[in-house]
Amino acid sequence: MNNEVIILDSDSSISKMDESDKQIIDILSPLPLTKLSTVQSQKEESSDTELPEIPFLKRINRGVSSSIICESPKLEMKSRGKEIDKKTKNKRKIVDQEEKKHAKELKRINKKRVKDQAIQDIEVVVDNKIVDEEFRIKLGDHGAKISRFEGSSICPIIRLKRHSDSEWDEDSRQYIPVNPPKVTDEPYAIFVWNGDDFLAKIKENRIFEFHEEWSMRNLNFKALYIFDQIEEALKKQERLAQRDFRKAVMDSKNSGMNEASKYITRMDFDSILLDLQLSRNFGGYFCSKKGQMYDDIIKIIKTIAIKPYWLQSAANGSVVHSLCIGPSGLNNTDTFQKMLQEVLLLTKSIADSITKHYPTINTLYSAFLDSQDESLLAEIPISGSKANRKIGLKMSQKIYRLFMNENPKTGMYRQ
């Protein structure tokens, strides 16, 4: 490089330098005045006008600014949604717990109970005529409550009350809890008849009058008769009838049968009870042996105490009582089934199917009267049939004609 002094002036040029010298000067020496002035003028212009936007930085800035703006509401909405979900979950949990508790309570009050436990819910309202220390002790030993019956009756009577924490619901067809527990009359009254007194009522033709009078005063109650020493009374009647008959024969009189007819035979007794069962609100009877009346009464009370938990719902909405007091075939449903089986080819399964839909003879007869339809029973399925067989038109017609026939010899039922 030549040792030359170069004076830089604003108006002079640097054309004499080669390219390498120019680069060195640009790096090591201060900027020329011309360049400084140019840079300053550019800065002043840039302060007045906005810098051009770079697309990449623009996208970054937009994303950052939008996230800063939207981040707070999103977090708030998310936390609020979590709170709502938590509240809903807690509410569902509470509802589920309540439903489980209610279902458990329904199961408890609708389950079949043991007789010894059920009798503790029963209050026995007894007549003064049959209350003595022995009876009170025997009932008390089983946990039953005892109170006196205020009133008068032709024969001693026992009525039942239930201290219940539930009641029957027709819509759900089950017992539902009630709070507080209540005391309700059970629809049963037990009449304690002395055998001789009952046969005397039959002889006077006053037994139906008594029963109707009592039923009018005690609507919706079902009567149960317990006979004390009825067997002895019937045997006594038979002996007296035979004695008078032999005496009449020995005296050569033709009125022997007329003399004997003033006594009540076993057939008379059975026919009276059958009439009570079929046409009146009568639940059944129980024949007690000598010295066992109190034990038999307690057995009946224990059976009735468990009765509400054994109710069966019939197809037409009525309730069939499965309670049977005394020997089989002595309650309303069993007697009705036996009558139906008198029809040719009508089996026990068919009779059972009919009584599930129409529990009493009166309900079936009323249905026939209302419908006037011979095919009323045709579509009823037969109980226990594997192929879901139905009663059919022919059998339905046969039963309908027996019920509705005006001829008393061929008709089955008349009110």
Protein backbone atom coordinates (compact mmCIF):
# COMPACT_ATOMS: atom_id res chain seq x y z
CA MET A 1 0.00 0.00 0.00
CA ASN A 2 1.43 3.47 -0.90
CA ASN A 3 2.03 6.03 1.91
CA GLU A 4 -0.48 8.57 0.69
CA VAL A 5 -2.57 10.93 2.78
CA ILE A 6 -6.11 11.00 1.74
CA ILE A 7 -8.34 13.86 2.86
CA LEU A 8 -11.93 12.94 3.02
CA ASP A 9 -14.28 15.71 2.18
CA SER A 10 -18.02 15.62 1.97
CA ASP A 11 -17.84 16.57 -1.65
CA SER A 12 -14.91 14.42 -2.57
CA SER A 13 -15.18 10.83 -3.70
CA ILE A 14 -13.31 7.70 -2.86
CA SER A 15 -12.96 6.53 -6.37
CA LYS A 16 -9.20 6.32 -6.06
CA MET A 17 -9.38 3.46 -3.55
CA ASP A 18 -9.65 -0.06 -4.50
CA GLU A 19 -12.33 -2.36 -3.09
CA SER A 20 -10.17 -3.86 -0.28
CA ASP A 21 -9.24 -0.45 1.09
CA LYS A 22 -12.87 0.61 1.10
CA GLN A 23 -13.88 -2.36 3.22
CA ILE A 24 -11.08 -1.72 5.77
CA ILE A 25 -12.04 1.91 6.11
CA ASP A 26 -15.69 1.01 6.57
CA ILE A 27 -14.82 -1.31 9.44
CA LEU A 28 -12.09 0.64 11.29
CA SER A 29 -12.90 4.25 10.76
CA PRO A 30 -15.90 6.23 11.88
CA LEU A 31 -18.73 6.64 9.49
CA PRO A 32 -18.41 9.53 7.08
CA LEU A 33 -20.51 12.53 7.64
CA THR A 34 -22.51 11.83 4.56
CA LYS A 35 -23.45 8.39 5.89
CA LEU A 36 -24.24 9.72 9.38
CA SER A 37 -26.49 12.36 7.97
CA THR A 38 -28.18 9.75 5.83
CA VAL A 39 -28.76 7.43 8.85
CA GLN A 40 -30.12 10.28 10.95
CA SER A 41 -32.52 11.32 8.25
CA GLN A 42 -33.69 7.69 7.94
CA LYS A 43 -34.26 7.44 11.74
CA GLU A 44 -36.32 10.62 11.68
CA GLU A 45 -38.40 9.26 8.84
CA SER A 46 -38.88 5.90 10.60
CA SER A 47 -40.13 7.67 13.75
CA ASP A 48 -42.84 9.32 11.68
CA THR A 49 -43.84 6.23 9.69
CA GLU A 50 -44.49 2.67 10.99
CA LEU A 51 -42.03 -0.08 10.24
CA PRO A 52 -43.19 -2.63 7.74
CA GLU A 53 -44.74 -5.79 9.39
CA ILE A 54 -43.06 -9.11 8.89
CA PRO A 55 -45.67 -11.87 8.27
CA PHE A 56 -43.99 -14.42 10.56
CA LEU A 57 -43.76 -11.99 13.49
CA LYS A 58 -47.30 -10.86 12.81
CA ARG A 59 -48.58 -14.45 13.21
CA ILE A 60 -46.61 -14.89 16.44
CA ASN A 61 -47.85 -11.62 17.91
CA ARG A 62 -51.47 -12.44 17.01
CA GLY A 63 -51.25 -15.84 18.70
CA VAL A 64 -49.67 -14.47 21.84
CA SER A 65 -52.14 -11.64 22.19
CA SER A 66 -55.20 -13.90 21.63
CA SER A 67 -53.94 -16.46 24.16
CA ILE A 68 -53.39 -13.72 26.74
CA ILE A 69 -56.91 -12.40 26.15
CA CYS A 70 -58.76 -15.79 26.11
CA GLU A 71 -56.81 -17.74 28.75
CA SER A 72 -58.60 -16.30 31.81
CA PRO A 73 -62.29 -16.87 30.67
CA LYS A 74 -61.45 -20.40 29.51
CA LEU A 75 -60.00 -21.31 32.89
CA GLU A 76 -63.02 -19.80 34.64
CA MET A 77 -65.48 -21.72 32.45
CA LYS A 78 -63.53 -24.94 32.98
CA SER A 79 -63.51 -24.57 36.77
CA ARG A 80 -67.20 -23.68 36.76
CA GLY A 81 -67.97 -26.79 34.70
CA LYS A 82 -66.04 -28.94 37.18
CA GLU A 83 -68.06 -27.48 40.07
CA ILE A 84 -71.36 -28.18 38.26
CA ASP A 85 -70.27 -31.75 37.48
CA LYS A 86 -69.30 -32.28 41.11
CA LYS A 87 -72.64 -30.95 42.38
CA THR A 88 -74.56 -33.11 39.87
CA LYS A 89 -72.55 -36.16 40.88
CA ASN A 90 -73.24 -35.50 44.56
CA LYS A 91 -76.96 -35.06 43.88
CA ARG A 92 -77.08 -38.33 41.94
CA LYS A 93 -75.23 -40.06 44.75
CA ILE A 94 -77.72 -38.77 47.32
CA VAL A 95 -80.67 -39.82 45.12
CA ASP A 96 -79.18 -43.28 44.61
CA GLN A 97 -78.66 -43.67 48.35
CA GLU A 98 -82.26 -42.61 49.04
CA GLU A 99 -83.60 -45.00 46.41
CA LYS A 100 -81.56 -47.88 47.84
CA LYS A 101 -82.77 -47.04 51.33
CA HIS A 102 -86.41 -46.89 50.14
CA ALA A 103 -86.08 -50.18 48.24
CA LYS A 104 -84.58 -51.82 51.32
CA GLU A 105 -87.46 -50.55 53.45
CA LEU A 106 -90.04 -51.80 50.91
CA LYS A 107 -88.37 -55.19 50.87
CA ARG A 108 -88.48 -55.32 54.66
CA ILE A 109 -92.18 -54.53 55.01
CA ASN A 110 -93.28 -56.68 52.07
CA LYS A 111 -91.35 -59.81 52.92
CA LYS A 112 -93.07 -62.87 54.37
CA ARG A 113 -92.89 -62.68 58.11
CA VAL A 114 -92.75 -65.26 60.86
CA LYS A 115 -96.03 -65.67 62.73
CA ASP A 116 -94.39 -65.27 66.13
CA GLN A 117 -93.04 -61.87 65.04
CA ALA A 118 -96.19 -60.71 63.24
CA ILE A 119 -98.49 -61.27 66.22
CA GLN A 120 -96.55 -58.60 68.12
CA ASP A 121 -98.06 -55.99 65.77
CA ILE A 122 -101.61 -57.15 66.54
CA GLU A 123 -103.88 -55.70 69.20
CA VAL A 124 -106.62 -58.15 70.22
CA VAL A 125 -109.87 -56.45 71.20
CA VAL A 126 -111.79 -59.09 73.16
CA ASP A 127 -115.27 -59.27 74.59
CA ASN A 128 -115.68 -59.30 78.36
CA LYS A 129 -117.44 -62.65 78.11
CA ILE A 130 -114.30 -64.53 77.10
CA VAL A 131 -111.61 -62.54 78.90
CA ASP A 132 -110.11 -64.52 81.74
CA GLU A 133 -106.67 -64.85 83.20
CA GLU A 134 -105.80 -67.98 81.21
CA PHE A 135 -106.59 -66.39 77.86
CA ARG A 136 -104.76 -63.18 78.78
CA ILE A 137 -101.64 -65.08 79.84
CA LYS A 138 -101.58 -67.21 76.66
CA LEU A 139 -101.91 -64.18 74.39
CA GLY A 140 -99.39 -62.20 76.41
CA ASP A 141 -96.84 -64.98 76.12
CA HIS A 142 -96.92 -64.51 72.32
CA GLY A 143 -96.44 -60.74 72.56
CA ALA A 144 -99.93 -59.66 71.45
CA LYS A 145 -101.52 -56.53 72.93
CA ILE A 146 -104.91 -57.00 74.63
CA SER A 147 -107.73 -54.51 75.14
CA ARG A 148 -111.40 -54.83 76.02
CA PHE A 149 -114.21 -54.66 73.48
CA GLU A 150 -116.64 -51.91 74.41
CA GLY A 151 -120.02 -52.96 73.15
CA SER A 152 -122.59 -55.71 73.24
CA SER A 153 -123.03 -58.64 70.91
CA ILE A 154 -125.12 -61.78 70.76
CA CYS A 155 -122.03 -63.94 71.18
CA PRO A 156 -118.48 -63.19 72.35
CA ILE A 157 -116.48 -61.37 69.67
CA ILE A 158 -112.80 -60.65 69.03
CA ARG A 159 -111.70 -57.79 66.77
CA LEU A 160 -108.16 -57.16 65.65
CA LYS A 161 -106.17 -53.96 65.29
CA ARG A 162 -102.74 -53.66 63.70
CA HIS A 163 -100.03 -51.28 64.85
CA SER A 164 -98.52 -50.80 61.44
CA ASP A 165 -95.67 -48.77 59.95
CA SER A 166 -96.96 -49.38 56.40
CA GLU A 167 -100.11 -49.28 54.30
CA TRP A 168 -101.27 -50.94 51.10
CA ASP A 169 -100.74 -48.87 47.94
CA GLU A 170 -103.09 -49.72 45.07
CA ASP A 171 -100.88 -48.11 42.40
CA SER A 172 -97.65 -49.95 43.18
CA ARG A 173 -99.49 -53.07 44.46
CA GLN A 174 -97.30 -53.30 47.54
CA TYR A 175 -96.99 -51.97 51.08
CA ILE A 176 -95.35 -48.57 51.47
CA PRO A 177 -93.89 -47.08 54.68
CA VAL A 178 -95.92 -44.58 56.72
CA ASN A 179 -94.47 -42.25 59.29
CA PRO A 180 -95.50 -42.06 62.06
CA PRO A 181 -96.89 -45.61 62.46
CA LYS A 182 -100.67 -45.87 62.68
CA VAL A 183 -103.26 -48.19 64.19
CA THR A 184 -105.78 -49.68 61.77
CA ASP A 185 -108.65 -52.14 62.14
CA GLU A 186 -107.99 -55.46 60.49
CA PRO A 187 -110.99 -56.57 58.38
CA TYR A 188 -111.62 -59.64 60.54
CA ALA A 189 -113.86 -60.33 63.51
CA ILE A 190 -113.88 -63.68 65.28
CA PHE A 191 -117.16 -64.89 66.74
CA VAL A 192 -116.87 -67.47 69.47
CA TRP A 193 -119.96 -69.67 69.33
CA ASN A 194 -120.97 -72.30 71.79
CA GLY A 195 -122.12 -75.33 69.77
CA ASP A 196 -125.55 -75.60 71.41
CA ASP A 197 -126.23 -71.84 71.04
CA PHE A 198 -125.40 -71.86 67.33
CA LEU A 199 -127.64 -74.85 66.60
CA ALA A 200 -130.43 -73.14 68.54
CA LYS A 201 -130.05 -70.05 66.28
CA ILE A 202 -130.31 -72.28 63.21
CA LYS A 203 -133.43 -73.94 64.61
CA GLU A 204 -135.00 -70.51 65.18
CA ASN A 205 -134.01 -69.38 61.65
CA ARG A 206 -132.21 -66.39 63.15
CA ILE A 207 -128.61 -67.03 62.13
CA PHE A 208 -128.88 -65.15 58.81
CA GLU A 209 -130.71 -62.29 60.49
CA PHE A 210 -127.94 -62.00 63.04
CA HIS A 211 -125.23 -62.13 60.39
CA GLU A 212 -126.88 -59.47 58.21
CA GLU A 213 -127.42 -57.18 61.18
CA TRP A 214 -123.79 -57.47 62.23
CA SER A 215 -122.52 -56.93 58.66
CA MET A 216 -124.48 -53.69 58.34
CA ARG A 217 -122.88 -52.36 61.54
CA ASN A 218 -119.40 -53.52 60.57
CA LEU A 219 -118.96 -52.82 56.89
CA ASN A 220 -115.95 -54.35 55.09
CA PHE A 221 -115.32 -56.74 57.99
CA LYS A 222 -115.04 -60.43 57.30
CA ALA A 223 -116.54 -62.75 59.89
CA LEU A 224 -114.79 -65.84 61.18
CA TYR A 225 -116.68 -68.31 63.34
CA ILE A 226 -115.02 -70.48 65.92
CA PHE A 227 -117.29 -73.16 67.38
CA ASP A 228 -116.60 -74.44 70.85
CA GLN A 229 -117.58 -78.11 71.19
CA ILE A 230 -119.70 -78.17 68.01
CA GLU A 231 -119.00 -81.87 67.48
CA GLU A 232 -120.46 -82.73 70.85
CA ALA A 233 -123.53 -80.57 70.13
CA LEU A 234 -124.15 -82.26 66.75
CA LYS A 235 -123.79 -85.73 68.21
CA LYS A 236 -126.23 -84.77 70.93
CA GLN A 237 -128.74 -83.63 68.29
CA GLU A 238 -128.33 -86.92 66.41
CA ARG A 239 -128.92 -88.94 69.56
CA LEU A 240 -132.05 -86.97 70.39
CA ALA A 241 -133.36 -87.35 66.83
CA GLN A 242 -132.79 -91.11 66.87
CA ARG A 243 -134.43 -91.45 70.28
CA ASP A 244 -137.56 -89.59 69.17
CA PHE A 245 -137.64 -91.50 65.90
CA ARG A 246 -137.49 -94.87 67.68
CA LYS A 247 -140.12 -93.72 70.14
CA ALA A 248 -142.42 -92.71 67.29
CA VAL A 249 -141.94 -96.05 65.56
CA MET A 250 -142.62 -97.93 68.78
CA ASP A 251 -145.82 -95.93 69.24
CA SER A 252 -146.79 -96.93 65.66
CA LYS A 253 -147.02 -93.38 64.50
CA ASN A 254 -146.20 -92.16 61.01
CA SER A 255 -144.89 -88.85 62.26
CA GLY A 256 -141.49 -90.20 63.15
CA MET A 257 -139.66 -88.24 60.46
CA ASN A 258 -141.53 -85.08 61.33
CA GLU A 259 -140.52 -85.45 64.96
CA ALA A 260 -136.89 -86.02 63.97
CA SER A 261 -136.83 -82.98 61.68
CA LYS A 262 -136.97 -80.58 64.63
CA TYR A 263 -133.34 -81.45 65.36
CA ILE A 264 -130.37 -80.02 63.47
CA THR A 265 -128.32 -82.61 61.65
CA ARG A 266 -124.75 -82.36 60.37
CA MET A 267 -126.10 -81.81 56.86
CA ASP A 268 -128.14 -78.83 58.06
CA PHE A 269 -125.09 -77.40 59.76
CA ASP A 270 -122.87 -77.80 56.67
CA SER A 271 -125.48 -76.29 54.32
CA ILE A 272 -125.87 -73.21 56.54
CA LEU A 273 -122.12 -72.61 56.58
CA LEU A 274 -121.87 -73.14 52.82
CA ASP A 275 -124.62 -70.58 52.25
CA LEU A 276 -122.80 -68.10 54.49
CA GLN A 277 -119.58 -68.60 52.54
CA LEU A 278 -121.09 -68.18 49.09
CA SER A 279 -123.52 -65.33 49.53
CA ARG A 280 -122.31 -63.32 52.55
CA ASN A 281 -119.12 -61.72 53.80
CA PHE A 282 -117.99 -64.85 55.62
CA GLY A 283 -114.37 -65.94 55.87
CA GLY A 284 -114.62 -69.46 57.24
CA TYR A 285 -114.97 -71.39 60.46
CA PHE A 286 -112.95 -73.47 62.84
CA CYS A 287 -114.23 -76.30 64.98
CA SER A 288 -112.58 -76.39 68.37
CA LYS A 289 -112.37 -79.41 70.59
CA LYS A 290 -113.18 -79.34 74.25
CA GLY A 291 -110.56 -77.50 76.27
CA GLN A 292 -108.66 -76.23 73.19
CA MET A 293 -110.64 -73.11 72.31
CA TYR A 294 -108.05 -70.60 73.54
CA ASP A 295 -105.23 -72.39 71.74
CA ASP A 296 -107.28 -72.40 68.52
CA ILE A 297 -108.09 -68.69 68.86
CA ILE A 298 -104.39 -67.90 69.23
CA LYS A 299 -103.61 -69.99 66.12
CA ILE A 300 -106.20 -68.03 64.13
CA ILE A 301 -104.88 -64.68 65.39
CA LYS A 302 -101.31 -65.67 64.45
CA THR A 303 -102.50 -66.70 60.97
CA ILE A 304 -104.37 -63.42 60.49
CA ALA A 305 -101.40 -61.46 61.85
CA ILE A 306 -99.29 -62.57 58.90
CA LYS A 307 -102.12 -62.28 56.38
CA PRO A 308 -101.37 -58.84 54.83
CA TYR A 309 -97.95 -60.05 53.71
CA TRP A 310 -99.55 -62.92 51.79
CA LEU A 311 -101.93 -60.93 49.62
CA GLN A 312 -102.10 -61.94 45.95
CA SER A 313 -103.11 -59.44 43.33
CA ALA A 314 -105.74 -60.60 40.85
CA ALA A 315 -105.77 -59.68 37.18
CA ASN A 316 -108.89 -57.49 37.46
CA GLY A 317 -107.36 -55.37 40.24
CA SER A 318 -109.09 -56.99 43.19
CA VAL A 319 -107.18 -58.74 45.96
CA VAL A 320 -107.38 -62.47 46.56
CA HIS A 321 -106.82 -63.57 50.14
CA SER A 322 -104.75 -66.72 50.38
CA LEU A 323 -105.74 -67.09 54.03
CA CYS A 324 -107.51 -70.35 54.80
CA ILE A 325 -108.96 -70.95 58.24
CA GLY A 326 -109.81 -74.52 59.09
CA PRO A 327 -109.67 -77.52 56.75
CA SER A 328 -108.79 -77.08 53.08
CA GLY A 329 -111.76 -76.14 50.93
CA LEU A 330 -113.52 -73.99 53.51
CA ASN A 331 -112.60 -70.52 52.31
CA ASN A 332 -114.46 -68.64 49.57
CA THR A 333 -111.99 -69.23 46.75
CA ASP A 334 -111.61 -72.96 47.36
CA THR A 335 -115.39 -73.43 47.55
CA PHE A 336 -115.86 -71.48 44.31
CA GLN A 337 -113.21 -73.62 42.58
CA LYS A 338 -114.94 -76.81 43.66
CA MET A 339 -118.24 -75.52 42.26
CA LEU A 340 -116.60 -74.71 38.93
CA GLN A 341 -115.10 -78.19 38.73
CA GLU A 342 -118.62 -79.60 38.64
CA VAL A 343 -118.67 -78.45 35.01
CA LEU A 344 -117.78 -81.27 32.63
CA LEU A 345 -114.09 -81.20 31.55
CA LEU A 346 -113.34 -78.16 33.73
CA THR A 347 -110.07 -79.07 35.45
CA LYS A 348 -108.55 -77.66 38.63
CA SER A 349 -106.07 -75.59 36.57
CA ILE A 350 -108.93 -73.93 34.66
CA ALA A 351 -110.83 -73.29 37.89
CA ASP A 352 -107.71 -71.76 39.43
CA SER A 353 -107.23 -69.49 36.40
CA ILE A 354 -110.83 -68.25 36.60
CA THR A 355 -110.67 -67.50 40.33
CA LYS A 356 -107.47 -65.48 39.87
CA HIS A 357 -109.37 -63.12 37.57
CA TYR A 358 -112.74 -63.38 39.37
CA PRO A 359 -112.11 -64.31 43.04
CA THR A 360 -115.75 -64.85 44.02
CA ILE A 361 -118.84 -66.25 42.40
CA ASN A 362 -120.48 -62.84 42.60
CA THR A 363 -117.68 -61.05 40.70
CA LEU A 364 -117.88 -63.56 37.83
CA TYR A 365 -121.66 -63.38 37.67
CA SER A 366 -121.55 -59.55 37.66
CA ALA A 367 -118.98 -59.65 34.83
CA PHE A 368 -121.28 -61.89 32.79
CA LEU A 369 -124.21 -59.55 33.42
CA ASP A 370 -122.23 -56.48 32.39
CA SER A 371 -120.66 -57.96 29.27
CA GLN A 372 -123.40 -60.33 28.06
CA ASP A 373 -120.54 -62.02 26.22
CA GLU A 374 -120.12 -65.80 25.99
CA SER A 375 -116.42 -65.41 25.12
CA LEU A 376 -115.58 -63.47 28.28
CA LEU A 377 -113.31 -66.22 29.64
CA ALA A 378 -111.94 -67.48 26.32
CA GLU A 379 -108.64 -65.54 26.40
CA ILE A 380 -107.70 -66.29 30.01
CA PRO A 381 -104.45 -68.37 30.10
CA ILE A 382 -104.61 -71.66 31.98
CA SER A 383 -102.43 -71.79 35.12
CA GLY A 384 -99.38 -74.01 34.81
CA SER A 385 -99.80 -74.56 31.07
CA LYS A 386 -96.41 -74.90 29.34
CA ALA A 387 -97.76 -73.98 25.92
CA ASN A 388 -99.68 -70.94 27.26
CA ARG A 389 -102.99 -72.57 26.46
CA LYS A 390 -106.15 -70.56 27.01
CA ILE A 391 -109.57 -71.56 28.29
CA GLY A 392 -111.07 -71.27 24.84
CA LEU A 393 -114.45 -70.34 23.43
CA LYS A 394 -116.27 -73.65 24.01
CA MET A 395 -115.48 -73.82 27.72
CA SER A 396 -116.27 -70.12 28.13
CA GLN A 397 -119.66 -70.64 26.46
CA LYS A 398 -120.39 -73.63 28.70
CA ILE A 399 -119.67 -71.66 31.89
CA TYR A 400 -121.59 -68.62 30.66
CA ARG A 401 -124.71 -70.67 29.83
CA LEU A 402 -124.65 -72.41 33.21
CA PHE A 403 -124.50 -69.06 35.00
CA MET A 404 -127.03 -67.23 32.85
CA ASN A 405 -129.54 -70.03 32.21
CA GLU A 406 -133.00 -69.15 33.52
CA ASN A 407 -133.86 -72.79 34.11
CA PRO A 408 -133.20 -73.45 37.86
CA LYS A 409 -132.36 -77.08 37.16
CA THR A 410 -129.54 -76.29 34.75
CA GLY A 411 -128.55 -72.81 35.97
CA MET A 412 -125.55 -72.57 38.24
CA TYR A 413 -126.02 -69.32 40.13
CA ARG A 414 -128.88 -67.05 41.03
CA GLN A 415 -128.71 -64.05 43.31
